[in-house]
Amino acid sequence: MPGSNRTPPTRDQVRFCRSIDGARIAYATHGEGPPLLVNTCWLSHLQHDWESPVWRHFLEDVGRFVTIIRYDERGYGLSDWDVSDFSLEARVGDLEAVADDAGLDQFAMMAMAQGGPVAISYTVRHPKRVSRLMFYDSYANRLRGMAADDIELEDAFDPLIKAGWGRPESNFRRVFSSMMIPGATEQQMRWVDDLMRVSVSASTMVRAKQERNNADVSHLLPQLRVPTLVLHALGDRMNSFEHGRHLASSIRGARLVALESQNHILLEDQPAWLRFQEALLAFLRPDRSAEQSVFASLSDREREVLTLIADGLSNTDIAARLEISEKTVRNHTSNLFDKLGVWSRAQAIVFARDHGFRD
């Protein structure tokens, strides 16, 4: 069951890849199970998320039943800050780079908040690579349905961000924290206040925000032909529930799950967080079952060999450990490669690691 007292997943190691324009994008992988690529929200920092009283439960709880691949957007967190292009095209390129560098042939994807347009664009371009698509408090067009005075307020924030974002005191940033998690404790609020300052510069925040508001991929929604789950908080003050309704009603066969919360970021002690996990686990169950059937097809000896390959042992070492000939090890290796759909030792190691294989 989600939220059980199982041992938390091993924390990840950060890796880097190059986007199409050369920008370095930081990404990390952890967890057990089929891959879930998280098209991240802007409030992320791979180095700090594990210590977060706001994000840590997401990493631990969801990482118990999927392998999470997450990344910092260009200009944010550990990714390159010295970039000037924050267009939708550049952000799709970042997602493509992460998926390719992580070796993901097919994967489920979750679009968080402003990640929606990027995930939609990627899925339309690469329909065979995305097995399932999820949206969490996200949208296809952020300004859709927004009143004229609200758009004016959006624009008015820009000079204020430039003046107040980087200040050590958190008074200005608290405006955004209060909108994101009105139900948070003071400790959680302070952590989000500080994360904003270390995650992104004021100038990048303004430019990226303007580009995100310009992105509109509503016309692509009817082209999606992938199982889709839309999760959205009813009282979200950052992206209204109407955005979730629009996504679900425009994507063929999509399911909408309304979460009883005012928080843009669900907190660990909320009933809505348990509901989120239950819906996500049920939605991903076919992928988990398919993966488990692959491992189930391995013989006991093939499972032993795969475990030792994943531990880095050579054929000679495996033969000695199992007291069999090297030729027999090679035969077992060839058979398990065929069953796993890989064609090299390195790929077998990555498959075993990223899919949470256990003997």
Protein backbone atom coordinates (compact mmCIF):
# COMPACT_ATOMS: atom_id res chain seq x y z
CA MET A 1 0.00 0.00 0.00
CA PRO A 2 1.20 3.53 -0.64
CA GLY A 3 2.67 5.20 2.40
CA SER A 4 3.71 1.93 4.07
CA ASN A 5 6.69 1.71 6.40
CA ARG A 6 9.00 0.07 3.89
CA THR A 7 12.65 1.07 3.70
CA PRO A 8 13.00 4.29 1.68
CA PRO A 9 14.61 3.92 -1.77
CA THR A 10 18.30 4.61 -2.19
CA ARG A 11 19.02 8.26 -2.91
CA ASP A 12 20.08 9.09 -6.41
CA GLN A 13 23.28 10.28 -8.02
CA VAL A 14 23.15 13.32 -10.28
CA ARG A 15 24.16 12.96 -13.93
CA PHE A 16 24.43 15.50 -16.73
CA CYS A 17 23.52 15.48 -20.40
CA ARG A 18 23.66 18.06 -23.19
CA SER A 19 20.56 19.51 -24.77
CA ILE A 20 20.42 20.30 -28.49
CA ASP A 21 21.87 23.79 -27.94
CA GLY A 22 24.63 22.53 -25.65
CA ALA A 23 23.03 23.46 -22.31
CA ARG A 24 23.90 21.01 -19.55
CA ILE A 25 20.84 19.46 -17.94
CA ALA A 26 21.13 17.75 -14.56
CA TYR A 27 19.03 14.64 -13.96
CA ALA A 28 18.85 11.88 -11.39
CA THR A 29 17.33 8.40 -11.06
CA HIS A 30 16.13 6.46 -8.05
CA GLY A 31 13.46 4.00 -6.99
CA GLU A 32 12.24 0.54 -7.96
CA GLY A 33 9.96 -0.54 -10.80
CA PRO A 34 9.09 0.67 -14.30
CA PRO A 35 10.46 4.08 -15.34
CA LEU A 36 8.54 7.27 -14.65
CA LEU A 37 10.09 10.37 -16.18
CA VAL A 38 8.99 13.47 -14.27
CA ASN A 39 8.81 16.55 -16.46
CA THR A 40 9.69 18.73 -13.56
CA CYS A 41 8.17 21.89 -12.17
CA TRP A 42 10.36 24.99 -11.88
CA LEU A 43 10.69 24.70 -8.10
CA SER A 44 13.27 21.94 -8.07
CA HIS A 45 16.86 21.47 -7.05
CA LEU A 46 18.21 17.92 -7.26
CA GLN A 47 20.77 18.62 -4.54
CA HIS A 48 18.21 19.80 -1.96
CA ASP A 49 15.01 17.88 -2.69
CA TRP A 50 15.88 14.93 -0.45
CA GLU A 51 16.12 17.23 2.56
CA SER A 52 12.85 18.94 1.78
CA PRO A 53 9.87 18.74 4.16
CA VAL A 54 7.78 19.50 1.05
CA TRP A 55 9.21 17.16 -1.62
CA ARG A 56 10.87 14.31 0.27
CA HIS A 57 7.69 12.24 0.70
CA PHE A 58 7.08 12.42 -3.06
CA LEU A 59 10.52 10.97 -3.76
CA GLU A 60 10.27 8.28 -1.09
CA ASP A 61 6.66 7.15 -1.52
CA VAL A 62 6.47 7.17 -5.32
CA GLY A 63 9.99 5.73 -5.58
CA ARG A 64 8.76 2.58 -3.86
CA PHE A 65 6.82 1.43 -6.90
CA VAL A 66 8.46 3.17 -9.88
CA THR A 67 11.92 4.25 -10.97
CA ILE A 68 11.79 8.06 -10.98
CA ILE A 69 13.86 10.00 -13.49
CA ARG A 70 13.69 13.72 -12.69
CA TYR A 71 15.67 16.72 -13.83
CA ASP A 72 16.24 20.42 -13.19
CA GLU A 73 15.01 22.65 -16.00
CA ARG A 74 17.49 24.81 -17.88
CA GLY A 75 18.37 27.83 -15.78
CA TYR A 76 17.32 26.07 -12.57
CA GLY A 77 18.88 23.96 -9.84
CA LEU A 78 22.01 22.12 -10.97
CA SER A 79 21.38 22.61 -14.69
CA ASP A 80 23.18 25.40 -16.55
CA TRP A 81 22.11 28.86 -15.40
CA ASP A 82 23.95 30.72 -18.17
CA VAL A 83 21.30 30.18 -20.84
CA SER A 84 19.10 32.62 -22.74
CA ASP A 85 16.61 30.42 -24.59
CA PHE A 86 13.63 29.38 -22.46
CA SER A 87 11.29 28.70 -25.36
CA LEU A 88 9.01 25.70 -25.50
CA GLU A 89 11.19 24.23 -28.25
CA ALA A 90 14.30 24.44 -26.07
CA ARG A 91 12.50 22.83 -23.13
CA VAL A 92 11.26 19.97 -25.30
CA GLY A 93 14.87 19.52 -26.41
CA ASP A 94 15.91 19.21 -22.76
CA LEU A 95 13.33 16.48 -22.18
CA GLU A 96 14.50 14.64 -25.29
CA ALA A 97 18.10 14.83 -24.09
CA VAL A 98 17.26 13.42 -20.65
CA ALA A 99 15.17 10.55 -22.05
CA ASP A 100 17.90 9.63 -24.53
CA ASP A 101 20.79 9.91 -22.08
CA ALA A 102 18.95 7.83 -19.48
CA GLY A 103 18.45 5.09 -22.08
CA LEU A 104 14.65 5.13 -21.90
CA ASP A 105 13.15 3.34 -24.90
CA GLN A 106 9.61 3.47 -23.52
CA PHE A 107 8.42 5.07 -20.31
CA ALA A 108 5.56 6.64 -18.43
CA MET A 109 5.74 10.40 -17.99
CA MET A 110 4.33 12.80 -15.43
CA ALA A 111 3.97 16.48 -16.30
CA MET A 112 4.09 18.62 -13.16
CA ALA A 113 2.65 22.15 -13.24
CA GLN A 114 4.17 24.08 -16.16
CA GLY A 115 5.64 20.87 -17.55
CA GLY A 116 2.35 20.18 -19.35
CA PRO A 117 3.10 21.86 -22.70
CA VAL A 118 6.53 20.20 -22.83
CA ALA A 119 5.14 16.73 -22.10
CA ILE A 120 2.31 17.16 -24.60
CA SER A 121 4.68 18.30 -27.34
CA TYR A 122 7.12 15.47 -26.64
CA THR A 123 4.39 12.81 -26.66
CA VAL A 124 2.98 14.00 -29.97
CA ARG A 125 6.47 13.89 -31.49
CA HIS A 126 7.43 10.54 -29.93
CA PRO A 127 4.17 8.63 -29.47
CA LYS A 128 5.81 5.19 -29.33
CA ARG A 129 8.13 6.12 -26.46
CA VAL A 130 5.50 7.28 -23.96
CA SER A 131 3.51 4.35 -22.53
CA ARG A 132 1.37 6.43 -20.16
CA LEU A 133 0.91 10.14 -19.54
CA MET A 134 0.02 11.85 -16.28
CA PHE A 135 -0.63 15.49 -15.44
CA TYR A 136 -0.32 16.85 -11.90
CA ASP A 137 -1.79 20.36 -11.37
CA SER A 138 -0.78 21.10 -14.94
CA TYR A 139 -2.19 22.68 -18.11
CA ALA A 140 -1.90 23.01 -21.89
CA ASN A 141 -2.16 26.82 -21.86
CA ARG A 142 -1.63 28.63 -18.57
CA LEU A 143 -3.45 31.81 -19.60
CA ARG A 144 -6.51 29.93 -20.84
CA GLY A 145 -9.64 31.33 -19.18
CA MET A 146 -7.66 33.89 -17.18
CA ALA A 147 -9.42 37.23 -16.69
CA ALA A 148 -7.83 40.39 -18.05
CA ASP A 149 -7.10 41.77 -14.58
CA ASP A 150 -5.38 38.50 -13.59
CA ILE A 151 -3.16 38.74 -16.67
CA GLU A 152 -2.33 42.31 -15.67
CA LEU A 153 -1.36 41.05 -12.23
CA GLU A 154 0.88 38.43 -13.84
CA ASP A 155 2.71 41.14 -15.75
CA ALA A 156 2.96 43.35 -12.67
CA PHE A 157 4.83 40.61 -10.84
CA ASP A 158 7.79 40.75 -13.24
CA PRO A 159 9.46 43.98 -12.01
CA LEU A 160 8.75 42.94 -8.42
CA ILE A 161 10.49 39.63 -9.00
CA LYS A 162 13.54 41.41 -10.40
CA ALA A 163 13.70 43.66 -7.35
CA GLY A 164 12.87 41.22 -4.56
CA TRP A 165 13.53 37.64 -5.60
CA GLY A 166 17.18 37.37 -4.63
CA ARG A 167 16.98 39.19 -1.29
CA PRO A 168 17.99 37.17 1.78
CA GLU A 169 14.74 38.05 3.54
CA SER A 170 11.80 36.02 2.30
CA ASN A 171 8.96 38.56 2.52
CA PHE A 172 8.48 38.87 -1.23
CA ARG A 173 8.90 35.18 -2.03
CA ARG A 174 6.39 34.33 0.72
CA VAL A 175 3.66 35.63 -1.62
CA PHE A 176 4.37 32.71 -3.95
CA SER A 177 4.84 30.20 -1.12
CA SER A 178 1.46 31.11 0.32
CA MET A 179 -0.20 30.59 -3.04
CA MET A 180 1.48 27.21 -3.56
CA ILE A 181 0.95 25.65 -0.15
CA PRO A 182 -1.55 27.64 1.93
CA GLY A 183 -1.91 24.65 4.25
CA ALA A 184 1.81 24.40 5.05
CA THR A 185 3.52 24.82 8.40
CA GLU A 186 5.89 27.72 9.00
CA GLN A 187 8.85 25.34 8.62
CA GLN A 188 7.59 24.17 5.24
CA MET A 189 6.93 27.73 4.15
CA ARG A 190 10.45 28.81 5.10
CA TRP A 191 11.96 25.91 3.21
CA VAL A 192 10.06 26.81 0.03
CA ASP A 193 11.02 30.49 0.49
CA ASP A 194 14.69 29.52 0.60
CA LEU A 195 14.42 26.98 -2.23
CA MET A 196 13.13 29.66 -4.58
CA ARG A 197 16.19 31.82 -4.01
CA VAL A 198 18.75 29.02 -4.50
CA SER A 199 16.92 27.35 -7.39
CA VAL A 200 16.80 30.22 -9.87
CA SER A 201 17.95 33.80 -10.41
CA ALA A 202 15.51 36.68 -10.63
CA SER A 203 16.28 37.39 -14.28
CA THR A 204 15.80 33.76 -15.28
CA MET A 205 12.58 33.53 -13.29
CA VAL A 206 11.12 36.45 -15.24
CA ARG A 207 12.23 35.29 -18.69
CA ALA A 208 11.18 31.68 -18.12
CA LYS A 209 7.84 32.77 -16.67
CA GLN A 210 7.12 34.90 -19.73
CA GLU A 211 7.92 32.02 -22.09
CA ARG A 212 5.79 29.60 -20.08
CA ASN A 213 2.85 31.99 -20.30
CA ASN A 214 3.32 32.18 -24.08
CA ALA A 215 3.19 28.40 -24.53
CA ASP A 216 -0.11 27.08 -25.84
CA VAL A 217 -0.39 23.48 -27.08
CA SER A 218 -4.14 23.09 -26.73
CA HIS A 219 -4.38 22.26 -30.44
CA LEU A 220 -2.20 19.16 -29.87
CA LEU A 221 -4.43 17.56 -27.24
CA PRO A 222 -6.70 15.70 -29.73
CA GLN A 223 -3.58 14.11 -31.25
CA LEU A 224 -2.66 12.29 -28.04
CA ARG A 225 -3.31 8.56 -28.25
CA VAL A 226 -1.91 7.33 -24.97
CA PRO A 227 -3.53 6.30 -21.67
CA THR A 228 -3.81 9.53 -19.69
CA LEU A 229 -4.45 10.36 -16.03
CA VAL A 230 -5.12 13.94 -14.89
CA LEU A 231 -4.61 14.67 -11.17
CA HIS A 232 -5.56 18.15 -10.01
CA ALA A 233 -6.23 19.81 -6.68
CA LEU A 234 -9.69 21.35 -6.53
CA GLY A 235 -8.50 24.49 -4.75
CA ASP A 236 -5.15 24.97 -6.52
CA ARG A 237 -4.35 28.71 -6.52
CA MET A 238 -1.44 28.48 -8.94
CA ASN A 239 -3.18 26.58 -11.76
CA SER A 240 -6.94 26.43 -11.40
CA PHE A 241 -8.86 23.16 -11.49
CA GLU A 242 -10.36 24.26 -14.80
CA HIS A 243 -6.99 23.49 -16.40
CA GLY A 244 -7.28 19.87 -15.29
CA ARG A 245 -10.84 19.69 -16.57
CA HIS A 246 -9.69 21.09 -19.93
CA LEU A 247 -6.95 18.48 -20.26
CA ALA A 248 -9.21 15.56 -19.36
CA SER A 249 -12.03 16.67 -21.65
CA SER A 250 -9.70 17.26 -24.62
CA ILE A 251 -7.66 14.03 -24.50
CA ARG A 252 -9.44 10.93 -25.71
CA GLY A 253 -10.07 8.45 -22.88
CA ALA A 254 -8.37 10.58 -20.21
CA ARG A 255 -9.40 10.10 -16.58
CA LEU A 256 -9.69 13.06 -14.18
CA VAL A 257 -9.04 12.61 -10.45
CA ALA A 258 -10.02 15.62 -8.34
CA LEU A 259 -7.91 15.97 -5.21
CA GLU A 260 -9.49 17.56 -2.13
CA SER A 261 -6.83 20.14 -1.41
CA GLN A 262 -5.96 23.82 -1.79
CA ASN A 263 -2.27 23.04 -2.04
CA HIS A 264 -0.47 23.16 -5.36
CA ILE A 265 2.09 20.83 -3.78
CA LEU A 266 0.38 18.05 -1.83
CA LEU A 267 1.80 17.62 1.68
CA GLU A 268 2.54 14.29 3.31
CA ASP A 269 -0.14 14.41 6.01
CA GLN A 270 -3.00 15.26 3.64
CA PRO A 271 -5.62 12.61 2.74
CA ALA A 272 -5.24 13.91 -0.83
CA TRP A 273 -1.65 12.63 -0.86
CA LEU A 274 -2.82 9.08 -0.18
CA ARG A 275 -5.46 9.49 -2.90
CA PHE A 276 -2.75 10.68 -5.28
CA GLN A 277 -0.63 7.59 -4.61
CA GLU A 278 -3.54 5.19 -4.96
CA ALA A 279 -4.58 6.69 -8.30
CA LEU A 280 -1.01 6.71 -9.59
CA LEU A 281 -0.33 3.12 -8.53
CA ALA A 282 -3.55 1.86 -10.13
CA PHE A 283 -2.78 3.73 -13.35
CA LEU A 284 0.76 2.33 -13.57
CA ARG A 285 -0.18 -1.25 -12.62
CA PRO A 286 -0.15 -2.54 -16.24
CA ASP A 287 3.42 -1.30 -16.69
CA ARG A 288 4.47 -2.91 -13.41
CA SER A 289 2.82 -6.20 -14.35
CA ALA A 290 4.50 -6.23 -17.75
CA GLU A 291 7.89 -5.61 -16.17
CA GLN A 292 7.39 -8.26 -13.53
CA SER A 293 6.48 -10.80 -16.25
CA VAL A 294 9.85 -10.17 -17.92
CA PHE A 295 11.72 -11.02 -14.74
CA ALA A 296 9.39 -13.94 -14.10
CA SER A 297 10.47 -15.45 -17.43
CA LEU A 298 14.05 -15.82 -16.18
CA SER A 299 15.16 -19.16 -14.81
CA ASP A 300 16.61 -19.32 -11.31
CA ARG A 301 20.12 -19.62 -12.75
CA GLU A 302 19.55 -16.68 -15.12
CA ARG A 303 18.39 -14.57 -12.19
CA GLU A 304 21.58 -15.49 -10.31
CA VAL A 305 23.70 -14.54 -13.31
CA LEU A 306 21.86 -11.23 -13.77
CA THR A 307 22.32 -10.38 -10.10
CA LEU A 308 26.08 -10.97 -10.35
CA ILE A 309 26.32 -9.02 -13.62
CA ALA A 310 24.57 -6.13 -11.89
CA ASP A 311 27.15 -6.40 -9.09
CA GLY A 312 29.88 -5.90 -11.70
CA LEU A 313 31.32 -9.42 -11.78
CA SER A 314 33.04 -10.72 -14.93
CA ASN A 315 32.14 -14.04 -16.56
CA THR A 316 35.21 -15.59 -14.95
CA ASP A 317 34.15 -14.36 -11.51
CA ILE A 318 30.56 -15.50 -12.03
CA ALA A 319 31.73 -18.95 -13.13
CA ALA A 320 33.85 -19.26 -10.00
CA ARG A 321 31.07 -17.98 -7.73
CA LEU A 322 28.46 -20.38 -9.15
CA GLU A 323 30.93 -23.23 -9.75
CA ILE A 324 30.04 -23.58 -13.42
CA SER A 325 32.04 -23.15 -16.63
CA GLU A 326 32.54 -19.81 -18.36
CA LYS A 327 30.85 -21.26 -21.45
CA THR A 328 27.75 -21.98 -19.36
CA VAL A 329 27.83 -18.43 -18.01
CA ARG A 330 27.97 -17.10 -21.57
CA ASN A 331 24.99 -19.25 -22.55
CA HIS A 332 22.95 -18.03 -19.58
CA THR A 333 23.97 -14.45 -20.34
CA SER A 334 22.89 -14.75 -23.98
CA ASN A 335 19.52 -16.20 -22.96
CA LEU A 336 18.74 -13.51 -20.38
CA PHE A 337 19.82 -10.78 -22.83
CA ASP A 338 17.23 -12.11 -25.28
CA LYS A 339 14.51 -12.19 -22.62
CA LEU A 340 15.27 -8.68 -21.35
CA GLY A 341 15.55 -7.21 -24.84
CA VAL A 342 19.12 -5.94 -24.35
CA TRP A 343 22.22 -6.71 -26.38
CA SER A 344 25.16 -5.76 -24.19
CA ARG A 345 26.45 -6.29 -20.68
CA ALA A 346 26.28 -2.56 -19.99
CA GLN A 347 22.62 -2.42 -20.99
CA ALA A 348 21.85 -5.41 -18.77
CA ILE A 349 23.45 -3.62 -15.82
CA VAL A 350 21.46 -0.45 -16.52
CA PHE A 351 18.24 -2.46 -16.93
CA ALA A 352 18.78 -4.30 -13.64
CA ARG A 353 19.63 -1.10 -11.77
CA ASP A 354 16.96 1.16 -13.21
CA HIS A 355 14.18 -1.42 -12.93
CA GLY A 356 14.84 -2.34 -9.31
CA PHE A 357 15.83 -5.95 -10.03
CA ARG A 358 16.33 -8.01 -6.91
CA ASP A 359 17.35 -11.64 -6.72
